[in-house]
Protein backbone atom coordinates (compact mmCIF):
# COMPACT_ATOMS: atom_id res chain seq x y z
CA UNK A 1 -74.83 -46.95 -13.65
CA UNK A 2 -77.92 -47.07 -15.84
CA UNK A 3 -78.11 -44.69 -18.73
CA UNK A 4 -80.72 -43.87 -21.37
CA UNK A 5 -79.11 -43.80 -24.79
CA UNK A 6 -80.47 -42.00 -27.80
CA UNK A 7 -79.57 -40.76 -31.26
CA UNK A 8 -77.22 -42.79 -33.43
CA UNK A 9 -76.31 -45.40 -30.83
CA UNK A 10 -79.90 -46.13 -29.83
CA UNK A 11 -81.04 -46.26 -33.44
CA UNK A 12 -78.25 -48.69 -34.36
CA UNK A 13 -78.64 -50.89 -31.31
CA UNK A 14 -82.43 -50.97 -31.00
CA UNK A 15 -82.81 -52.80 -34.32
CA UNK A 16 -80.79 -55.64 -32.85
CA UNK A 17 -82.00 -55.38 -29.26
CA UNK A 18 -84.47 -58.24 -29.39
CA UNK A 19 -81.86 -60.46 -30.97
CA UNK A 20 -79.57 -59.64 -28.13
CA UNK A 21 -81.61 -61.65 -25.70
CA UNK A 22 -82.12 -64.64 -27.98
CA UNK A 23 -78.94 -64.93 -29.94
CA UNK A 24 -75.29 -65.48 -29.37
CA UNK A 25 -74.24 -62.27 -31.03
CA UNK A 26 -74.75 -60.37 -27.90
CA UNK A 27 -75.38 -57.59 -29.68
CA UNK A 28 -76.23 -58.70 -26.59
CA UNK A 29 -77.81 -59.97 -25.99
CA UNK A 30 -79.42 -59.49 -28.06
CA UNK A 31 -77.54 -63.84 -30.55
CA UNK A 32 -79.73 -63.64 -28.72
CA UNK A 33 -82.58 -62.75 -29.60
CA UNK A 34 -85.79 -63.29 -31.32
CA UNK A 35 -88.95 -62.90 -29.42
CA UNK A 36 -90.98 -66.10 -29.52
CA UNK A 37 -94.36 -64.40 -29.53
CA UNK A 38 -94.93 -66.76 -32.43
CA UNK A 39 -98.36 -66.34 -33.95
CA UNK A 40 -98.64 -70.10 -34.40
CA UNK A 41 -97.88 -70.83 -30.75
CA UNK A 42 -100.24 -68.14 -29.49
CA UNK A 43 -102.89 -69.20 -31.96
CA UNK A 44 -103.08 -72.56 -30.20
CA UNK A 45 -104.34 -70.75 -27.10
CA UNK A 46 -106.44 -67.91 -28.45
CA UNK A 47 -108.29 -67.92 -31.80
CA UNK A 48 -107.13 -65.28 -34.28
CA UNK A 49 -109.31 -62.22 -34.80
CA UNK A 50 -112.02 -62.47 -37.45
CA UNK A 51 -110.36 -61.27 -40.70
CA UNK A 52 -113.70 -60.12 -42.08
CA UNK A 53 -113.57 -57.07 -39.85
CA UNK A 54 -110.34 -55.89 -41.49
CA UNK A 55 -109.86 -54.03 -44.74
CA UNK A 56 -107.66 -55.40 -47.53
CA UNK A 57 -104.41 -54.22 -45.92
CA UNK A 58 -105.32 -55.59 -42.51
CA UNK A 59 -106.38 -58.86 -44.16
CA UNK A 60 -102.87 -59.22 -45.58
CA UNK A 61 -101.36 -58.57 -42.15
CA UNK A 62 -103.56 -61.31 -40.71
CA UNK A 63 -102.59 -63.71 -43.51
CA UNK A 64 -98.91 -62.99 -42.85
CA UNK A 65 -99.19 -63.44 -39.06
CA UNK A 66 -97.79 -59.98 -38.34
CA UNK A 67 -96.91 -58.90 -34.80
CA UNK A 68 -96.09 -55.23 -34.15
CA UNK A 69 -94.84 -53.91 -30.84
CA UNK A 70 -92.31 -52.04 -28.80
CA UNK A 71 -90.88 -51.72 -25.33
CA UNK A 72 -87.56 -51.37 -23.56
CA UNK A 73 -84.47 -53.47 -22.99
CA UNK A 74 -81.60 -53.25 -20.54
CA UNK A 75 -78.27 -54.78 -21.55
CA UNK A 76 -74.53 -54.36 -20.89
CA UNK A 77 -72.87 -51.61 -22.93
CA UNK A 78 -70.80 -54.27 -24.68
CA UNK A 79 -70.12 -57.97 -24.18
CA UNK A 80 -68.06 -58.09 -21.00
CA UNK A 81 -69.05 -54.67 -19.62
CA UNK A 82 -70.19 -54.08 -16.04
CA UNK A 83 -72.15 -50.97 -17.11
CA UNK A 84 -75.63 -51.02 -18.58
CA UNK A 85 -77.75 -49.11 -21.05
CA UNK A 86 -81.53 -48.91 -21.41
CA UNK A 87 -82.89 -48.69 -24.94
CA UNK A 88 -86.27 -48.40 -26.63
CA UNK A 89 -87.11 -51.46 -28.72
CA UNK A 90 -89.30 -51.38 -31.83
CA UNK A 91 -90.41 -54.87 -32.88
CA UNK A 92 -92.01 -56.41 -35.95
CA UNK A 93 -92.39 -60.07 -36.89
CA UNK A 94 -94.06 -61.52 -39.99
CA UNK A 95 -94.36 -65.05 -41.36
CA UNK A 96 -94.94 -65.56 -45.09
CA UNK A 97 -96.58 -68.77 -46.36
CA UNK A 98 -95.36 -70.57 -43.21
CA UNK A 99 -91.91 -70.60 -44.84
CA UNK A 100 -90.16 -67.25 -44.35
CA UNK A 101 -90.12 -65.48 -41.00
CA UNK A 102 -88.76 -61.94 -40.77
CA UNK A 103 -87.99 -60.29 -37.43
CA UNK A 104 -85.41 -57.82 -36.02
CA UNK A 105 -82.69 -60.48 -36.21
CA UNK A 106 -83.10 -61.02 -39.97
CA UNK A 107 -84.88 -63.66 -42.05
CA UNK A 108 -85.28 -67.38 -41.39
CA UNK A 109 -86.25 -69.66 -44.28
CA UNK A 110 -87.67 -73.12 -43.68
CA UNK A 111 -85.72 -75.59 -45.85
CA UNK A 112 -86.94 -79.00 -44.67
CA UNK A 113 -89.43 -80.31 -42.13
CA UNK A 114 -90.36 -83.89 -41.36
CA UNK A 115 -92.11 -84.88 -38.16
CA UNK A 116 -90.27 -83.31 -35.21
CA UNK A 117 -87.20 -82.41 -37.29
CA UNK A 118 -86.70 -78.95 -38.82
CA UNK A 119 -83.93 -77.45 -40.92
CA UNK A 120 -83.78 -73.75 -41.77
CA UNK A 121 -81.43 -71.20 -43.32
CA UNK A 122 -80.78 -67.76 -41.89
CA UNK A 123 -79.83 -64.35 -43.24
CA UNK A 124 -79.00 -61.65 -40.73
CA UNK A 125 -76.39 -59.20 -39.58
CA UNK A 126 -73.70 -58.67 -36.97
CA UNK A 127 -73.87 -55.11 -35.63
CA UNK A 128 -70.18 -55.06 -34.75
CA UNK A 129 -68.84 -52.84 -31.97
CA UNK A 130 -67.79 -49.20 -31.70
CA UNK A 131 -64.83 -48.18 -29.55
CA UNK A 132 -66.85 -45.23 -28.23
CA UNK A 133 -69.53 -47.57 -26.85
CA UNK A 134 -67.61 -47.61 -23.54
CA UNK A 135 -64.46 -46.11 -22.02
CA UNK A 136 -62.90 -49.58 -21.72
CA UNK A 137 -62.96 -49.94 -25.52
CA UNK A 138 -61.03 -46.73 -26.26
CA UNK A 139 -58.05 -47.47 -28.46
CA UNK A 140 -59.28 -50.88 -29.60
CA UNK A 141 -60.83 -49.58 -32.81
CA UNK A 142 -64.20 -50.56 -34.26
CA UNK A 143 -65.42 -54.00 -35.26
CA UNK A 144 -67.36 -53.28 -38.44
CA UNK A 145 -70.88 -54.46 -39.17
CA UNK A 146 -71.15 -57.65 -41.25
CA UNK A 147 -73.73 -59.83 -42.96
CA UNK A 148 -74.53 -63.21 -41.41
CA UNK A 149 -75.48 -66.43 -43.20
CA UNK A 150 -76.27 -69.54 -41.26
CA UNK A 151 -78.23 -72.73 -40.76
CA UNK A 152 -80.23 -74.18 -37.88
CA UNK A 153 -81.38 -77.73 -37.18
CA UNK A 154 -83.95 -78.48 -34.47
CA UNK A 155 -85.85 -81.42 -33.04
CA UNK A 156 -89.07 -81.00 -31.06
CA UNK A 157 -89.97 -83.15 -28.07
CA UNK A 158 -93.40 -82.05 -26.85
CA UNK A 159 -92.99 -78.54 -25.41
CA UNK A 160 -89.19 -78.71 -25.75
CA UNK A 161 -86.98 -77.96 -28.74
CA UNK A 162 -83.31 -78.94 -28.97
CA UNK A 163 -81.35 -77.08 -31.62
CA UNK A 164 -77.94 -76.51 -33.17
CA UNK A 165 -77.09 -73.34 -35.09
CA UNK A 166 -74.04 -72.23 -37.07
CA UNK A 167 -73.53 -68.65 -38.31
CA UNK A 168 -70.80 -67.19 -40.52
CA UNK A 169 -70.14 -63.43 -40.55
CA UNK A 170 -69.14 -61.93 -43.90
CA UNK A 171 -67.25 -58.71 -43.25
CA UNK A 172 -66.75 -57.29 -39.76
CA UNK A 173 -65.12 -59.95 -37.60
CA UNK A 174 -65.25 -62.43 -40.53
CA UNK A 175 -65.71 -65.07 -37.84
CA UNK A 176 -68.00 -67.99 -37.14
CA UNK A 177 -70.21 -68.81 -34.16
CA UNK A 178 -72.09 -71.93 -33.19
CA UNK A 179 -74.80 -72.54 -30.63
CA UNK A 180 -76.27 -75.61 -28.96
CA UNK A 181 -79.39 -75.10 -26.89
CA UNK A 182 -82.79 -76.13 -25.62
CA UNK A 183 -86.00 -74.11 -25.38
CA UNK A 184 -89.14 -75.05 -23.49
CA UNK A 185 -92.45 -73.23 -24.01
CA UNK A 186 -95.57 -74.14 -22.09
CA UNK A 187 -99.05 -72.58 -21.74
CA UNK A 188 -100.25 -72.30 -18.15
CA UNK A 189 -103.67 -71.00 -19.18
CA UNK A 190 -105.45 -69.62 -22.23
CA UNK A 191 -103.77 -66.27 -21.55
CA UNK A 192 -100.36 -67.07 -20.08
CA UNK A 193 -97.38 -68.74 -21.79
CA UNK A 194 -94.09 -69.29 -19.95
CA UNK A 195 -90.76 -70.28 -21.41
CA UNK A 196 -87.18 -71.09 -20.47
CA UNK A 197 -84.01 -71.61 -22.43
CA UNK A 198 -80.39 -72.63 -22.00
CA UNK A 199 -77.59 -72.62 -24.55
CA UNK A 200 -73.84 -72.68 -24.96
CA UNK A 201 -71.99 -70.66 -27.60
CA UNK A 202 -68.64 -71.35 -29.22
CA UNK A 203 -66.69 -69.25 -31.71
CA UNK A 204 -63.70 -69.54 -34.00
CA UNK A 205 -60.40 -67.69 -33.56
CA UNK A 206 -61.31 -64.82 -35.92
CA UNK A 207 -64.45 -63.97 -33.96
CA UNK A 208 -62.77 -64.33 -30.57
CA UNK A 209 -59.77 -62.21 -31.55
CA UNK A 210 -61.99 -59.48 -33.04
CA UNK A 211 -64.08 -59.06 -29.87
CA UNK A 212 -61.81 -60.25 -27.07
CA UNK A 213 -58.24 -60.09 -28.36
CA UNK A 214 -55.82 -57.18 -27.93
CA UNK A 215 -53.09 -56.75 -30.54
CA UNK A 216 -49.77 -55.02 -29.75
CA UNK A 217 -51.03 -51.89 -31.54
CA UNK A 218 -54.31 -51.91 -29.61
CA UNK A 219 -52.42 -52.47 -26.37
CA UNK A 220 -50.26 -49.41 -27.01
CA UNK A 221 -53.30 -47.24 -27.73
CA UNK A 222 -55.62 -48.54 -25.00
CA UNK A 223 -53.28 -49.43 -22.15
CA UNK A 224 -54.76 -52.94 -21.96
CA UNK A 225 -52.41 -55.92 -21.88
CA UNK A 226 -51.77 -57.73 -25.14
CA UNK A 227 -54.00 -60.80 -25.43
CA UNK A 228 -54.50 -63.56 -27.98
CA UNK A 229 -57.98 -65.07 -27.85
CA UNK A 230 -58.30 -68.56 -29.30
CA UNK A 231 -61.25 -70.58 -30.58
CA UNK A 232 -63.49 -72.35 -28.09
CA UNK A 233 -66.52 -71.91 -25.86
CA UNK A 234 -67.50 -68.27 -25.49
CA UNK A 235 -70.51 -68.15 -23.15
CA UNK A 236 -73.44 -69.97 -21.60
CA UNK A 237 -76.88 -68.33 -21.66
CA UNK A 238 -79.98 -68.89 -19.54
CA UNK A 239 -83.36 -67.17 -19.82
CA UNK A 240 -86.93 -67.23 -18.56
CA UNK A 241 -89.91 -65.49 -20.15
CA UNK A 242 -93.64 -64.95 -19.80
CA UNK A 243 -96.14 -63.84 -22.45
CA UNK A 244 -99.59 -62.70 -21.35
CA UNK A 245 -102.44 -62.29 -23.83
CA UNK A 246 -104.55 -59.33 -22.74
CA UNK A 247 -107.13 -60.21 -25.41
CA UNK A 248 -107.16 -61.76 -28.89
CA UNK A 249 -104.77 -59.12 -30.22
CA UNK A 250 -102.77 -57.46 -27.45
CA UNK A 251 -99.97 -59.18 -25.56
CA UNK A 252 -97.32 -58.29 -22.98
CA UNK A 253 -94.01 -60.11 -22.81
CA UNK A 254 -91.26 -59.99 -20.23
CA UNK A 255 -87.92 -61.75 -20.25
CA UNK A 256 -84.90 -61.97 -17.99
CA UNK A 257 -81.63 -63.59 -18.94
CA UNK A 258 -78.04 -64.01 -17.89
CA UNK A 259 -74.97 -64.90 -19.91
CA UNK A 260 -71.74 -66.20 -18.40
CA UNK A 261 -68.56 -65.69 -20.41
CA UNK A 262 -66.27 -68.69 -20.61
CA UNK A 263 -62.78 -69.66 -21.69
CA UNK A 264 -60.63 -67.10 -23.46
CA UNK A 265 -63.55 -64.65 -23.56
CA UNK A 266 -63.83 -64.60 -19.77
CA UNK A 267 -60.06 -64.12 -19.36
CA UNK A 268 -59.83 -61.22 -21.84
CA UNK A 269 -58.61 -57.83 -20.50
CA UNK A 270 -61.50 -56.30 -22.47
CA UNK A 271 -63.93 -58.03 -20.09
CA UNK A 272 -64.75 -56.33 -16.79
CA UNK A 273 -67.50 -58.70 -15.65
CA UNK A 274 -68.03 -62.20 -17.07
CA UNK A 275 -71.65 -62.31 -15.78
CA UNK A 276 -73.91 -60.52 -18.28
CA UNK A 277 -77.54 -60.01 -17.16
CA UNK A 278 -80.25 -58.53 -19.36
CA UNK A 279 -83.98 -57.86 -19.30
CA UNK A 280 -86.77 -56.89 -21.65
CA UNK A 281 -90.41 -55.79 -21.56
CA UNK A 282 -92.50 -55.61 -24.74
CA UNK A 283 -96.08 -54.85 -25.66
CA UNK A 284 -97.28 -56.29 -28.99
CA UNK A 285 -100.31 -56.36 -31.24
CA UNK A 286 -101.08 -59.50 -33.27
CA UNK A 287 -103.04 -59.10 -36.49
């Protein structure tokens, strides 16, 4: 059931693997999902390393709050599959001038912040879907990769953050997704941070039809029943995580999550299992 993937598929998917767990674009998982080993959050618990011991290059990495790491992720082969793949995950995160954050999901730009309220813009990508990703997809054709532009508003309440996000894909599905969610992050000690999240995702008709619909032509090629997928709620996601600081620089992060497909997505003949579990283990180094 579990399969190590490599070559083109692994290279294409691993760039989006972290996003899979934290974002709605299930690239699966990974819309969603990026890793919240945020240097600012961790810095509250453990002081940053002394920059004087670094050279000029390392000093820049420290100034930019860079985190480098890697690990492995296990996710469904596609959104709705009951088969899984295990992939290596390279990871890099950097924050510039406390305004621009770049990670495997794309770039987030702080637009406005006042008290507990935050507003940011997002530039990213939708990896699309290949019909050779799984036998069930044969005959459906590919959903091309597309660029994503979006916005996110959030309000903090102590350790909790409530947020709303809207993303538009340009190219590919040419659809739109929205997400409403809550995240809670709490330190249990100077070394251990735990977190939990819950969200619900909705999508417009273009997105739903691209990933869950079956046209008459696709039905003839694939053998699946014709299906029109309309706009509405797509899935609910739940996750728990733990980040352990081994020392001032090294950290280990684990996360487990489950997505539950809803509405027209759950009823699609493309979907084999509406329950979509995933897991991740990463080791990172903070400059």
